[in-house]
Amino acid sequence: MKKEPGLLYRVALVFGDAFAIIFAFAFAYYFRIHIDSRPFFFESEIASFVGVAFYLLPVWFVILASMGLYSKNVISHRFVAGWRLALASMVGIMAIISYDYFTHPDMRDSLFPVRTIAIYAGLSCFVSLVIVRSLISFIRRLIFRGNHALLRVLVVGNNDNTRQLLMGIAPDSGFKAVGAVAKDAYVPDEWRKRQYDDIDEAIRRLRPDAIIQTGNKDLEYVNKKAIDHHMYYYYSPSDNSIITLSGKVDFIAGVPIMLINTTPLMGGARIYKRVFDLVFGLIATIVASPFMLVILIIQKILDPHAPAIYRDTRLTRFNREFALLKFRSIKPEYNGLTPEEAFEKMGKPQLSEKYRAQGDYLKNDPRYTKIGRFLRKTSLDELPQLFNVLKGDLSLVGPRALQPHELKNYGDRGLILSVKSGITGLAQVSGRRNISFGERRALDVYYVQNWTPGMDITILFRTVGIVLKHDGAK
């Protein structure tokens, strides 16, 4: 999932559509004035005409997206995409005519002073969208044929489809077979040097981007391997009833495959979430800046020689390490130490067992400074993490950012680390320290597998309420 050529393709379509629509409106105006020989009785203001078209681009994107014209299932079928582009062009022009009617009811300075301009704009929108999208698709195929941006595929399974995939995957599909985990009977002779008995060895040596599994044996095991290594997992069903019931089946080399998504946070959803984080993260940073400045000054007054900001190594999406920023709440001599190491250093190793038994909490924990206890109780110590959000290390909402040594406690670590960690999350608003470690982990997994934009908004609102009440903060 680290490589998303489909996402880049859809981004290219968005920019291509914007260019096509602006060009279409400019051409429509130019055609009516300079090519259409019929007389007209209005002043030419092509700049304002095109300017309004640019201003209304978001409306066009909503229309195109609502018709599935950024969905793989639609854009991969030319005929379906073609008639939907025609419909989108008609609906888009009607939307702009409606906008023009309500903003210029007396027809003075109207966007469409003559009806033919609207007709020309609709037709040219359709033609330019088709041409630009065809050009982008052609360039994409050229890139694939040059063996660039292809998903490296490991085929797993003892099935006739294994042989067919190894022999038939073409660059135009966006995939490149790099090896197989299968028995000799299902592997062509020319693939024997890239045949493996052990999936771990194959992943380590080949470093694939995706697994296509044929057959029904060890489905859960192979899927977990894909999740742990942050790869796409495709399943090739042999049961026709499964193919019939599924609405998202692709065919590669004549073999049906279904993508089993680890999380909904893929493709366009990742773009949406990043934009959401940037917009609301920036707003939150501006609002929180005065508070952060005051805390910084107080920290320096109380302890001028110790850093006010603490950097802790944490993990985010795809197991990537980053420096998480927090206001220092622990005494300098215990910074960077695990609780066990800190209690050992202060000569109170017996506190370690009590700390773990109480869900990683001790009343009057001797590691914390007085202001540190206040910052943790009010959650103000986490404000600098807003800079992590703007940088892209964190999301506003996501699973808890794990420390590297905590990985051994997470059996679902591959799943949890398939999305960005967050400042807040479902576990934090569901009890924080008042729920067990197992419950927190289960809530993080649920978030990853069931994410929706509405869930993020709900969690953020609940977080504000919990922070104001100091609910669950210790």
Protein backbone atom coordinates (compact mmCIF):
# COMPACT_ATOMS: atom_id res chain seq x y z
CA MET A 1 0.00 0.00 0.00
CA LYS A 2 3.06 2.27 0.08
CA LYS A 3 2.85 2.53 -3.71
CA GLU A 4 -0.47 3.81 -5.07
CA PRO A 5 -0.23 4.32 -8.84
CA GLY A 6 -4.03 4.37 -9.03
CA LEU A 7 -4.10 7.35 -6.69
CA LEU A 8 -1.65 9.31 -8.84
CA TYR A 9 -3.76 8.50 -11.90
CA ARG A 10 -6.89 9.89 -10.27
CA VAL A 11 -5.02 13.02 -9.19
CA ALA A 12 -3.90 13.47 -12.80
CA LEU A 13 -7.54 13.10 -13.90
CA VAL A 14 -8.62 15.85 -11.50
CA PHE A 15 -6.06 18.32 -12.89
CA GLY A 16 -6.82 17.19 -16.44
CA ASP A 17 -10.55 17.71 -15.90
CA ALA A 18 -9.93 21.21 -14.54
CA PHE A 19 -7.90 22.12 -17.62
CA ALA A 20 -10.49 20.58 -19.96
CA ILE A 21 -13.39 22.49 -18.40
CA ILE A 22 -11.59 25.87 -18.41
CA PHE A 23 -10.46 25.31 -22.00
CA ALA A 24 -14.00 24.30 -23.04
CA PHE A 25 -15.53 27.52 -21.70
CA ALA A 26 -12.86 29.68 -23.32
CA PHE A 27 -13.33 27.86 -26.63
CA ALA A 28 -17.14 28.21 -26.47
CA TYR A 29 -16.90 31.96 -26.04
CA TYR A 30 -14.23 32.29 -28.75
CA PHE A 31 -16.22 30.13 -31.17
CA ARG A 32 -19.40 32.19 -30.76
CA ILE A 33 -17.61 35.50 -31.27
CA HIS A 34 -15.01 34.71 -33.93
CA ILE A 35 -16.26 31.66 -35.83
CA ASP A 36 -20.05 31.64 -35.62
CA SER A 37 -21.08 34.10 -38.36
CA ARG A 38 -24.43 35.01 -36.87
CA PRO A 39 -24.65 38.55 -35.43
CA PHE A 40 -24.56 39.04 -31.67
CA PHE A 41 -25.53 41.94 -29.45
CA PHE A 42 -23.34 41.73 -26.34
CA GLU A 43 -19.91 42.81 -25.23
CA SER A 44 -17.20 40.19 -25.20
CA GLU A 45 -15.86 39.53 -21.69
CA ILE A 46 -14.12 36.21 -22.07
CA ALA A 47 -12.01 36.75 -18.93
CA SER A 48 -15.05 37.02 -16.64
CA PHE A 49 -16.70 34.08 -18.41
CA VAL A 50 -13.68 31.82 -17.87
CA GLY A 51 -13.21 33.24 -14.35
CA VAL A 52 -16.68 32.13 -13.30
CA ALA A 53 -16.01 28.69 -14.80
CA PHE A 54 -12.84 28.47 -12.67
CA TYR A 55 -14.76 29.61 -9.59
CA LEU A 56 -17.35 26.87 -10.14
CA LEU A 57 -14.82 24.05 -10.66
CA PRO A 58 -15.72 22.47 -7.28
CA VAL A 59 -19.27 22.02 -8.57
CA TRP A 60 -17.91 20.17 -11.59
CA PHE A 61 -15.75 17.93 -9.41
CA VAL A 62 -18.74 17.04 -7.23
CA ILE A 63 -20.76 16.15 -10.33
CA LEU A 64 -17.94 14.08 -11.86
CA ALA A 65 -17.25 12.29 -8.57
CA SER A 66 -20.94 11.58 -7.90
CA MET A 67 -21.10 9.84 -11.28
CA GLY A 68 -18.14 7.64 -10.35
CA LEU A 69 -15.78 9.23 -12.86
CA TYR A 70 -12.88 8.94 -10.43
CA SER A 71 -13.74 5.37 -9.52
CA LYS A 72 -11.63 2.55 -10.96
CA ASN A 73 -14.73 0.51 -11.81
CA VAL A 74 -15.97 3.30 -14.09
CA ILE A 75 -12.84 4.82 -15.61
CA SER A 76 -11.55 1.39 -16.65
CA HIS A 77 -14.57 0.95 -18.97
CA ARG A 78 -14.45 3.43 -21.85
CA PHE A 79 -18.08 3.14 -22.94
CA VAL A 80 -19.44 3.57 -19.39
CA ALA A 81 -17.07 6.47 -18.73
CA GLY A 82 -18.00 8.07 -22.07
CA TRP A 83 -21.74 8.28 -21.54
CA ARG A 84 -21.24 9.39 -17.93
CA LEU A 85 -18.97 12.19 -19.14
CA ALA A 86 -21.71 13.24 -21.57
CA LEU A 87 -24.26 13.24 -18.74
CA ALA A 88 -21.87 15.09 -16.41
CA SER A 89 -21.28 17.76 -19.07
CA MET A 90 -25.02 18.30 -19.49
CA VAL A 91 -25.67 18.43 -15.74
CA GLY A 92 -22.70 20.76 -15.21
CA ILE A 93 -23.89 23.24 -17.81
CA MET A 94 -27.42 23.13 -16.35
CA ALA A 95 -25.97 23.85 -12.90
CA ILE A 96 -24.07 26.87 -14.23
CA ILE A 97 -27.17 28.12 -16.11
CA SER A 98 -29.08 27.89 -12.82
CA TYR A 99 -26.30 29.78 -11.04
CA ASP A 100 -26.38 32.44 -13.78
CA TYR A 101 -30.16 32.78 -13.54
CA PHE A 102 -30.18 33.38 -9.78
CA THR A 103 -27.17 35.75 -9.81
CA HIS A 104 -28.31 37.71 -12.90
CA PRO A 105 -32.12 37.50 -12.98
CA ASP A 106 -32.41 40.59 -15.20
CA MET A 107 -29.92 39.09 -17.73
CA ARG A 108 -27.65 42.11 -17.27
CA ASP A 109 -24.00 40.95 -17.33
CA SER A 110 -25.33 37.42 -17.77
CA LEU A 111 -22.80 34.61 -18.09
CA PHE A 112 -24.74 33.29 -21.10
CA PRO A 113 -25.93 36.39 -23.01
CA VAL A 114 -26.97 34.07 -25.85
CA ARG A 115 -28.09 30.48 -25.48
CA THR A 116 -25.72 29.15 -28.12
CA ILE A 117 -22.75 29.82 -25.82
CA ALA A 118 -24.23 27.41 -23.27
CA ILE A 119 -24.72 24.80 -25.99
CA TYR A 120 -21.18 25.25 -27.29
CA ALA A 121 -19.82 25.08 -23.73
CA GLY A 122 -21.66 21.81 -23.02
CA LEU A 123 -20.48 20.15 -26.23
CA SER A 124 -16.89 21.37 -25.89
CA CYS A 125 -16.81 20.25 -22.24
CA PHE A 126 -17.70 16.71 -23.26
CA VAL A 127 -15.22 16.61 -26.13
CA SER A 128 -12.35 18.17 -24.17
CA LEU A 129 -12.94 15.89 -21.16
CA VAL A 130 -12.84 12.82 -23.39
CA ILE A 131 -9.69 14.00 -25.21
CA VAL A 132 -7.79 14.99 -22.06
CA ARG A 133 -8.73 11.82 -20.21
CA SER A 134 -7.76 9.69 -23.22
CA LEU A 135 -4.39 11.46 -23.37
CA ILE A 136 -3.77 10.88 -19.65
CA SER A 137 -4.71 7.22 -20.04
CA PHE A 138 -2.37 6.89 -23.02
CA ILE A 139 0.53 8.44 -21.10
CA ARG A 140 -0.20 6.08 -18.21
CA ARG A 141 0.01 3.07 -20.53
CA LEU A 142 3.32 4.32 -21.92
CA ILE A 143 4.66 4.62 -18.37
CA PHE A 144 3.52 1.06 -17.58
CA ARG A 145 5.05 -0.31 -20.80
CA GLY A 146 8.33 1.26 -19.76
CA ASN A 147 8.16 -0.87 -16.60
CA HIS A 148 7.61 2.19 -14.40
CA ALA A 149 5.12 2.57 -11.52
CA LEU A 150 4.09 -1.10 -11.77
CA LEU A 151 2.93 -3.02 -8.71
CA ARG A 152 5.34 -5.90 -8.09
CA VAL A 153 3.20 -9.00 -7.54
CA LEU A 154 3.94 -12.20 -5.67
CA VAL A 155 1.56 -14.99 -6.76
CA VAL A 156 0.72 -17.42 -3.95
CA GLY A 157 -1.22 -20.67 -4.30
CA ASN A 158 -1.41 -24.03 -6.01
CA ASN A 159 -4.00 -23.44 -8.68
CA ASP A 160 -4.21 -23.32 -12.48
CA ASN A 161 -4.67 -19.58 -12.12
CA THR A 162 -1.15 -19.37 -10.69
CA ARG A 163 0.38 -20.48 -13.98
CA GLN A 164 -1.97 -18.27 -15.98
CA LEU A 165 -1.05 -15.18 -13.95
CA LEU A 166 2.69 -15.81 -14.14
CA MET A 167 2.54 -16.22 -17.91
CA GLY A 168 -0.11 -13.65 -18.75
CA ILE A 169 0.33 -10.52 -16.61
CA ALA A 170 1.06 -7.66 -19.03
CA PRO A 171 2.44 -4.20 -18.16
CA ASP A 172 -0.79 -2.53 -19.37
CA SER A 173 -2.52 -4.03 -16.33
CA GLY A 174 -0.31 -2.03 -13.96
CA PHE A 175 1.09 -5.26 -12.46
CA LYS A 176 4.39 -7.09 -12.84
CA ALA A 177 4.79 -10.67 -11.59
CA VAL A 178 8.09 -11.06 -9.71
CA GLY A 179 7.78 -14.53 -8.20
CA ALA A 180 5.60 -17.33 -6.89
CA VAL A 181 5.05 -19.39 -3.78
CA ALA A 182 3.68 -22.57 -5.34
CA LYS A 183 4.41 -26.20 -6.14
CA ASP A 184 6.31 -27.21 -9.29
CA ALA A 185 3.17 -28.38 -11.09
CA TYR A 186 1.77 -24.83 -11.18
CA VAL A 187 4.96 -22.92 -12.01
CA PRO A 188 6.25 -22.62 -15.63
CA ASP A 189 9.84 -23.76 -16.15
CA GLU A 190 11.10 -20.24 -16.84
CA TRP A 191 9.87 -19.14 -13.40
CA ARG A 192 11.68 -21.81 -11.36
CA LYS A 193 14.45 -19.41 -10.31
CA ARG A 194 11.81 -17.16 -8.76
CA GLN A 195 9.83 -19.96 -7.13
CA TYR A 196 9.78 -20.21 -3.33
CA ASP A 197 8.44 -22.64 -0.77
CA ASP A 198 8.31 -20.11 2.06
CA ILE A 199 6.31 -16.88 1.79
CA ASP A 200 8.51 -15.03 4.29
CA GLU A 201 11.62 -15.75 2.23
CA ALA A 202 9.83 -14.67 -0.96
CA ILE A 203 8.75 -11.37 0.60
CA ARG A 204 12.23 -10.73 2.01
CA ARG A 205 14.00 -11.42 -1.30
CA LEU A 206 11.50 -9.99 -3.81
CA ARG A 207 10.05 -7.07 -1.82
CA PRO A 208 6.68 -7.19 -3.62
CA ASP A 209 4.02 -4.49 -3.46
CA ALA A 210 1.10 -6.91 -3.68
CA ILE A 211 0.10 -10.53 -3.21
CA ILE A 212 -2.36 -12.31 -5.48
CA GLN A 213 -3.53 -15.52 -3.84
CA THR A 214 -5.06 -18.31 -5.88
CA GLY A 215 -6.85 -21.19 -4.21
CA ASN A 216 -8.48 -21.31 -0.78
CA LYS A 217 -5.72 -22.65 1.45
CA ASP A 218 -4.33 -20.49 4.30
CA LEU A 219 -6.29 -17.41 3.25
CA GLU A 220 -6.15 -15.76 6.66
CA TYR A 221 -2.43 -16.52 7.07
CA VAL A 222 -1.46 -15.07 3.68
CA ASN A 223 -3.72 -12.04 4.16
CA LYS A 224 -2.04 -11.32 7.51
CA LYS A 225 1.37 -11.50 5.83
CA ALA A 226 0.20 -8.87 3.35
CA ILE A 227 -1.11 -6.66 6.16
CA ASP A 228 2.06 -7.00 8.24
CA HIS A 229 4.20 -5.94 5.28
CA HIS A 230 1.75 -3.23 4.14
CA MET A 231 1.05 -4.81 0.77
CA TYR A 232 -2.09 -5.02 -1.34
CA TYR A 233 -3.85 -8.35 -1.01
CA TYR A 234 -5.81 -9.73 -3.97
CA TYR A 235 -7.77 -12.95 -3.89
CA SER A 236 -8.54 -14.95 -7.03
CA PRO A 237 -11.86 -16.72 -6.35
CA SER A 238 -12.52 -20.01 -8.03
CA ASP A 239 -16.18 -20.10 -7.01
CA ASN A 240 -18.36 -18.46 -9.68
CA SER A 241 -20.99 -17.56 -7.10
CA ILE A 242 -18.43 -15.40 -5.30
CA ILE A 243 -17.60 -13.64 -8.56
CA THR A 244 -21.29 -13.02 -9.24
CA LEU A 245 -21.94 -11.60 -5.78
CA SER A 246 -18.96 -9.29 -5.78
CA GLY A 247 -19.30 -5.91 -7.45
CA LYS A 248 -15.55 -5.20 -7.50
CA VAL A 249 -13.91 -7.92 -9.57
CA ASP A 250 -11.05 -7.16 -11.95
CA PHE A 251 -9.58 -9.47 -14.56
CA ILE A 252 -5.84 -9.82 -15.09
CA ALA A 253 -4.62 -12.24 -17.76
CA GLY A 254 -8.17 -13.59 -17.85
CA VAL A 255 -8.07 -14.39 -14.12
CA PRO A 256 -10.67 -12.78 -11.81
CA ILE A 257 -9.15 -11.03 -8.77
CA MET A 258 -10.74 -9.14 -5.89
CA LEU A 259 -8.91 -6.51 -3.84
CA ILE A 260 -9.39 -7.11 -0.12
CA ASN A 261 -8.89 -3.67 1.42
CA THR A 262 -7.13 -3.47 4.76
CA THR A 263 -8.76 -0.12 5.43
CA PRO A 264 -11.12 2.31 3.66
CA LEU A 265 -8.35 4.91 4.04
CA MET A 266 -6.90 4.34 0.60
CA GLY A 267 -6.83 6.30 -2.64
CA GLY A 268 -9.05 9.37 -2.62
CA ALA A 269 -9.90 8.87 1.06
CA ARG A 270 -6.24 9.44 1.94
CA ILE A 271 -6.25 12.73 0.00
CA TYR A 272 -9.46 13.83 1.74
CA LYS A 273 -8.04 13.01 5.17
CA ARG A 274 -4.78 14.85 4.48
CA VAL A 275 -6.62 17.97 3.32
CA PHE A 276 -8.88 17.72 6.39
CA ASP A 277 -5.81 17.47 8.65
CA LEU A 278 -4.10 20.44 6.99
CA VAL A 279 -7.15 22.73 7.14
CA PHE A 280 -8.32 21.96 10.66
CA GLY A 281 -4.78 21.35 11.95
CA LEU A 282 -3.78 24.84 10.81
CA ILE A 283 -6.87 26.38 12.43
CA ALA A 284 -6.19 24.51 15.69
CA THR A 285 -2.51 25.56 15.63
CA ILE A 286 -3.45 29.23 15.26
CA VAL A 287 -5.98 29.00 18.10
CA ALA A 288 -3.57 27.08 20.36
CA SER A 289 -0.49 29.24 19.67
CA PRO A 290 -1.06 31.72 22.56
CA PHE A 291 -1.49 28.83 25.02
CA MET A 292 1.63 27.09 23.72
CA LEU A 293 3.63 30.32 24.07
CA VAL A 294 2.52 30.78 27.69
CA ILE A 295 3.37 27.15 28.55
CA LEU A 296 6.76 27.51 26.88
CA ILE A 297 7.56 30.63 28.92
CA ILE A 298 6.45 29.01 32.19
CA GLN A 299 8.53 25.90 31.46
CA LYS A 300 11.63 28.03 30.85
CA ILE A 301 11.06 30.10 34.01
CA LEU A 302 10.67 26.99 36.19
CA ASP A 303 13.55 25.06 34.65
CA PRO A 304 15.63 27.26 32.29
CA HIS A 305 18.23 24.57 31.58
CA ALA A 306 15.87 21.75 30.57
CA PRO A 307 14.16 21.59 27.15
CA ALA A 308 10.49 22.60 27.21
CA ILE A 309 9.67 20.33 24.27
CA TYR A 310 10.18 16.59 24.56
CA ARG A 311 10.75 14.50 21.45
CA ASP A 312 9.72 10.88 21.69
CA THR A 313 10.34 8.29 18.97
CA ARG A 314 7.00 6.89 17.82
CA LEU A 315 5.63 4.89 14.91
CA THR A 316 3.14 5.96 12.28
CA ARG A 317 1.84 4.57 8.97
CA PHE A 318 3.91 1.77 7.40
CA ASN A 319 6.00 1.37 10.56
CA ARG A 320 7.79 4.69 9.95
CA GLU A 321 9.53 6.28 12.93
CA PHE A 322 9.14 9.98 13.68
CA ALA A 323 9.78 12.40 16.55
CA LEU A 324 6.51 13.07 18.39
CA LEU A 325 6.47 16.50 20.04
CA LYS A 326 5.09 17.07 23.52
CA PHE A 327 5.57 19.60 26.27
CA ARG A 328 7.93 18.02 28.75
CA SER A 329 6.03 16.70 31.77
CA ILE A 330 8.65 14.29 33.13
CA LYS A 331 11.73 15.33 35.09
CA PRO A 332 14.74 15.68 32.76
CA GLU A 333 16.66 12.80 34.34
CA TYR A 334 13.89 10.36 33.38
CA ASN A 335 13.30 11.53 29.82
CA GLY A 336 13.78 8.81 27.23
CA LEU A 337 13.56 5.99 29.77
CA THR A 338 10.88 3.32 29.94
CA PRO A 339 8.82 3.37 33.18
CA GLU A 340 10.74 0.31 34.40
CA GLU A 341 14.09 1.98 33.74
CA ALA A 342 12.98 5.21 35.41
CA PHE A 343 11.70 3.49 38.55
CA GLU A 344 14.90 1.44 38.71
CA LYS A 345 16.99 4.62 38.39
CA MET A 346 15.15 6.35 41.25
CA GLY A 347 15.60 3.26 43.43
CA LYS A 348 11.93 2.24 43.47
CA PRO A 349 11.73 -0.80 41.16
CA GLN A 350 8.67 -2.07 43.05
CA LEU A 351 6.62 0.72 41.42
CA SER A 352 6.98 -0.92 38.00
CA GLU A 353 4.64 -3.79 38.84
CA LYS A 354 2.12 -1.45 40.47
CA TYR A 355 2.29 0.89 37.45
CA ARG A 356 1.51 -1.91 34.97
CA ALA A 357 -1.15 -3.47 37.18
CA GLN A 358 -3.06 -0.16 37.27
CA GLY A 359 -3.14 0.21 33.50
CA ASP A 360 0.08 2.22 33.08
CA TYR A 361 -0.85 4.70 35.79
CA LEU A 362 0.38 5.72 39.21
CA LYS A 363 -1.22 8.33 41.42
CA ASN A 364 1.40 10.99 42.20
CA ASP A 365 3.85 9.36 39.78
CA PRO A 366 7.29 10.51 41.04
CA ARG A 367 8.62 10.88 37.47
CA TYR A 368 6.45 13.94 36.75
CA THR A 369 7.04 17.59 37.58
CA LYS A 370 4.29 19.62 39.24
CA ILE A 371 3.48 21.53 36.08
CA GLY A 372 3.82 18.26 34.17
CA ARG A 373 0.97 16.72 36.17
CA PHE A 374 -1.19 19.75 35.31
CA LEU A 375 -0.29 19.56 31.63
CA ARG A 376 -1.13 15.86 31.46
CA LYS A 377 -4.38 16.25 33.38
CA THR A 378 -5.54 18.99 31.00
CA SER A 379 -3.97 17.30 27.91
CA LEU A 380 -2.15 20.56 27.18
CA ASP A 381 1.11 18.62 26.91
CA GLU A 382 -0.11 17.29 23.55
CA LEU A 383 -0.60 20.66 21.85
CA PRO A 384 2.81 20.59 20.04
CA GLN A 385 1.61 17.49 18.21
CA LEU A 386 -0.35 19.87 15.98
CA PHE A 387 3.00 20.59 14.28
CA ASN A 388 3.36 16.83 13.69
CA VAL A 389 -0.04 16.96 11.94
CA LEU A 390 0.98 19.85 9.68
CA LYS A 391 4.24 18.07 8.85
CA GLY A 392 2.36 14.90 7.93
CA ASP A 393 3.68 12.57 10.64
CA LEU A 394 0.35 12.40 12.45
CA SER A 395 -3.33 12.76 11.67
CA LEU A 396 -5.77 14.61 13.90
CA VAL A 397 -7.62 11.31 14.39
CA GLY A 398 -6.11 7.85 14.27
CA PRO A 399 -4.79 4.97 16.35
CA ARG A 400 -2.46 5.79 19.23
CA ALA A 401 1.13 6.47 18.14
CA LEU A 402 3.07 3.42 19.33
CA GLN A 403 6.58 3.38 20.74
CA PRO A 404 8.85 0.87 18.96
CA HIS A 405 9.22 -1.31 22.09
CA GLU A 406 5.42 -1.63 22.31
CA LEU A 407 5.15 -3.55 19.03
CA LYS A 408 5.55 -6.88 20.78
CA ASN A 409 2.28 -6.19 22.62
CA TYR A 410 0.31 -5.63 19.42
CA GLY A 411 -0.68 -8.75 17.51
CA ASP A 412 -2.51 -6.51 15.02
CA ARG A 413 0.36 -4.05 14.64
CA GLY A 414 0.44 -4.41 10.85
CA LEU A 415 -3.23 -3.47 10.66
CA ILE A 416 -2.92 -0.58 13.11
CA LEU A 417 0.13 0.78 11.29
CA SER A 418 -1.62 0.71 7.90
CA VAL A 419 -2.90 4.25 8.61
CA LYS A 420 -1.36 7.33 10.20
CA SER A 421 -1.37 7.48 13.97
CA GLY A 422 -3.43 10.27 15.51
CA ILE A 423 -3.43 12.87 18.28
CA THR A 424 -6.80 11.52 19.36
CA GLY A 425 -8.74 8.43 18.41
CA LEU A 426 -11.63 6.11 19.09
CA ALA A 427 -9.85 4.52 22.06
CA GLN A 428 -9.11 7.89 23.64
CA VAL A 429 -12.75 9.03 23.50
CA SER A 430 -14.00 5.67 24.74
CA GLY A 431 -12.44 5.72 28.15
CA ARG A 432 -8.73 6.51 27.73
CA ARG A 433 -7.02 4.93 30.77
CA ASN A 434 -10.33 3.66 32.13
CA ILE A 435 -10.41 0.78 29.64
CA SER A 436 -8.03 -2.14 29.35
CA PHE A 437 -5.12 -2.42 26.92
CA GLY A 438 -6.98 -5.11 24.97
CA GLU A 439 -10.06 -2.89 24.61
CA ARG A 440 -7.95 0.04 23.41
CA ARG A 441 -6.28 -2.15 20.80
CA ALA A 442 -9.64 -3.52 19.62
CA LEU A 443 -10.99 0.02 19.22
CA ASP A 444 -7.94 1.06 17.20
CA VAL A 445 -8.45 -1.94 14.90
CA TYR A 446 -12.15 -1.12 14.53
CA TYR A 447 -11.27 2.45 13.52
CA VAL A 448 -8.79 1.27 10.88
CA GLN A 449 -11.26 -1.17 9.33
CA ASN A 450 -14.38 1.01 9.52
CA TRP A 451 -13.14 4.57 9.00
CA THR A 452 -15.55 7.18 7.65
CA PRO A 453 -15.26 10.99 7.46
CA GLY A 454 -18.18 11.23 9.88
CA MET A 455 -16.35 9.07 12.42
CA ASP A 456 -13.41 11.50 12.43
CA ILE A 457 -15.68 14.49 13.01
CA THR A 458 -17.55 12.71 15.81
CA ILE A 459 -14.29 11.74 17.54
CA LEU A 460 -12.98 15.32 17.33
CA PHE A 461 -16.13 16.74 18.93
CA ARG A 462 -16.05 14.09 21.65
CA THR A 463 -12.36 14.83 22.25
CA VAL A 464 -13.08 18.52 22.88
CA GLY A 465 -15.76 17.59 25.44
CA ILE A 466 -13.54 15.06 27.19
CA VAL A 467 -10.59 17.46 27.40
CA LEU A 468 -12.77 20.22 28.85
CA LYS A 469 -14.11 17.80 31.48
CA HIS A 470 -10.66 16.26 32.15
CA ASP A 471 -12.46 12.95 31.70
CA GLY A 472 -10.06 10.00 31.80
CA ALA A 473 -6.93 12.19 31.94
CA LYS A 474 -4.43 11.24 34.62
